[in-house]
Amino acid sequence: MMTIGRNKEGARARGDAAVRASVSFPPELYRLLEHIALQKKVSIAWVIRDAAEKYVSDQLPNAG
């Protein structure tokens, strides 16, 4: 998996600047993301970043 330089809590491990994005989710998908975040004891943002990194890794295997 591609590593962007974040720890489990979602904090940037290096001094890289973050880019903010606004995303809308269907209510049921958001509830599932909340559930996953609670189970893992992380933020919803962390779950979404993790999912996005995995997706990009799958799409561009040589990116990481």
C-alpha atoms as a PDB file:
ATOM      1  CA  MET A   1       0.000   0.000   0.000  1.00  0.00           C
ATOM      2  CA  MET A   2       1.118   3.525  -0.745  1.00  0.00           C
ATOM      3  CA  THR A   3       2.216   5.439   2.328  1.00  0.00           C
ATOM      4  CA  ILE A   4       1.471   9.141   2.454  1.00  0.00           C
ATOM      5  CA  GLY A   5       3.202   9.826   5.770  1.00  0.00           C
ATOM      6  CA  ARG A   6       0.392   9.625   8.327  1.00  0.00           C
ATOM      7  CA  ASN A   7       0.144   7.783  11.616  1.00  0.00           C
ATOM      8  CA  LYS A   8      -2.903   5.855  12.894  1.00  0.00           C
ATOM      9  CA  GLU A   9      -4.442   9.000  14.367  1.00  0.00           C
ATOM     10  CA  GLY A  10      -4.241  10.734  10.980  1.00  0.00           C
ATOM     11  CA  ALA A  11      -1.546  13.218  11.965  1.00  0.00           C
ATOM     12  CA  ARG A  12       0.976  14.082   9.306  1.00  0.00           C
ATOM     13  CA  ALA A  13       4.252  12.275  10.033  1.00  0.00           C
ATOM     14  CA  ARG A  14       6.273  14.812   8.013  1.00  0.00           C
ATOM     15  CA  GLY A  15       5.928  18.532   7.440  1.00  0.00           C
ATOM     16  CA  ASP A  16       3.864  18.007   4.264  1.00  0.00           C
ATOM     17  CA  ALA A  17       0.996  20.430   3.788  1.00  0.00           C
ATOM     18  CA  ALA A  18      -2.444  18.831   3.761  1.00  0.00           C
ATOM     19  CA  VAL A  19      -5.114  19.616   1.181  1.00  0.00           C
ATOM     20  CA  ARG A  20      -8.702  19.834   2.413  1.00  0.00           C
ATOM     21  CA  ALA A  21     -11.589  18.387   0.389  1.00  0.00           C
ATOM     22  CA  SER A  22     -15.311  18.494   0.989  1.00  0.00           C
ATOM     23  CA  VAL A  23     -17.146  15.273   0.151  1.00  0.00           C
ATOM     24  CA  SER A  24     -20.812  14.317   0.474  1.00  0.00           C
ATOM     25  CA  PHE A  25     -21.824  10.717   1.271  1.00  0.00           C
ATOM     26  CA  PRO A  26     -25.152   8.930   1.151  1.00  0.00           C
ATOM     27  CA  PRO A  27     -26.442   8.640   4.753  1.00  0.00           C
ATOM     28  CA  GLU A  28     -26.037   4.856   4.980  1.00  0.00           C
ATOM     29  CA  LEU A  29     -22.439   4.957   3.731  1.00  0.00           C
ATOM     30  CA  TYR A  30     -21.632   7.693   6.256  1.00  0.00           C
ATOM     31  CA  ARG A  31     -23.146   5.590   9.074  1.00  0.00           C
ATOM     32  CA  LEU A  32     -20.946   2.666   8.011  1.00  0.00           C
ATOM     33  CA  LEU A  33     -17.862   4.900   7.994  1.00  0.00           C
ATOM     34  CA  GLU A  34     -18.778   6.136  11.489  1.00  0.00           C
ATOM     35  CA  HIS A  35     -19.139   2.547  12.675  1.00  0.00           C
ATOM     36  CA  ILE A  36     -15.742   1.561  11.259  1.00  0.00           C
ATOM     37  CA  ALA A  37     -14.112   4.611  12.854  1.00  0.00           C
ATOM     38  CA  LEU A  38     -15.614   3.787  16.259  1.00  0.00           C
ATOM     39  CA  GLN A  39     -14.483   0.159  16.012  1.00  0.00           C
ATOM     40  CA  LYS A  40     -10.928   1.196  15.095  1.00  0.00           C
ATOM     41  CA  LYS A  41     -10.929   4.124  17.562  1.00  0.00           C
ATOM     42  CA  VAL A  42      -9.870   6.568  14.854  1.00  0.00           C
ATOM     43  CA  SER A  43     -11.525   9.528  13.156  1.00  0.00           C
ATOM     44  CA  ILE A  44     -13.829   9.207  10.165  1.00  0.00           C
ATOM     45  CA  ALA A  45     -11.259  11.286   8.266  1.00  0.00           C
ATOM     46  CA  TRP A  46      -8.619   8.626   9.016  1.00  0.00           C
ATOM     47  CA  VAL A  47     -10.911   5.871   7.684  1.00  0.00           C
ATOM     48  CA  ILE A  48     -11.566   7.840   4.496  1.00  0.00           C
ATOM     49  CA  ARG A  49      -7.861   8.656   3.961  1.00  0.00           C
ATOM     50  CA  ASP A  50      -6.973   4.996   4.516  1.00  0.00           C
ATOM     51  CA  ALA A  51      -9.620   3.887   2.007  1.00  0.00           C
ATOM     52  CA  ALA A  52      -8.454   6.483  -0.538  1.00  0.00           C
ATOM     53  CA  GLU A  53      -4.810   5.377  -0.181  1.00  0.00           C
ATOM     54  CA  LYS A  54      -5.802   1.737  -0.716  1.00  0.00           C
ATOM     55  CA  TYR A  55      -7.908   2.666  -3.744  1.00  0.00           C
ATOM     56  CA  VAL A  56      -5.076   4.659  -5.324  1.00  0.00           C
ATOM     57  CA  SER A  57      -2.642   1.814  -4.605  1.00  0.00           C
ATOM     58  CA  ASP A  58      -4.966  -0.624  -6.377  1.00  0.00           C
ATOM     59  CA  GLN A  59      -5.369   1.707  -9.364  1.00  0.00           C
ATOM     60  CA  LEU A  60      -1.704   2.700  -9.643  1.00  0.00           C
ATOM     61  CA  PRO A  61       0.356  -0.215  -8.257  1.00  0.00           C
ATOM     62  CA  ASN A  62       3.680   1.587  -8.857  1.00  0.00           C
ATOM     63  CA  ALA A  63       2.603   4.793  -7.056  1.00  0.00           C
ATOM     64  CA  GLY A  64       3.949   3.784  -3.664  1.00  0.00           C
END
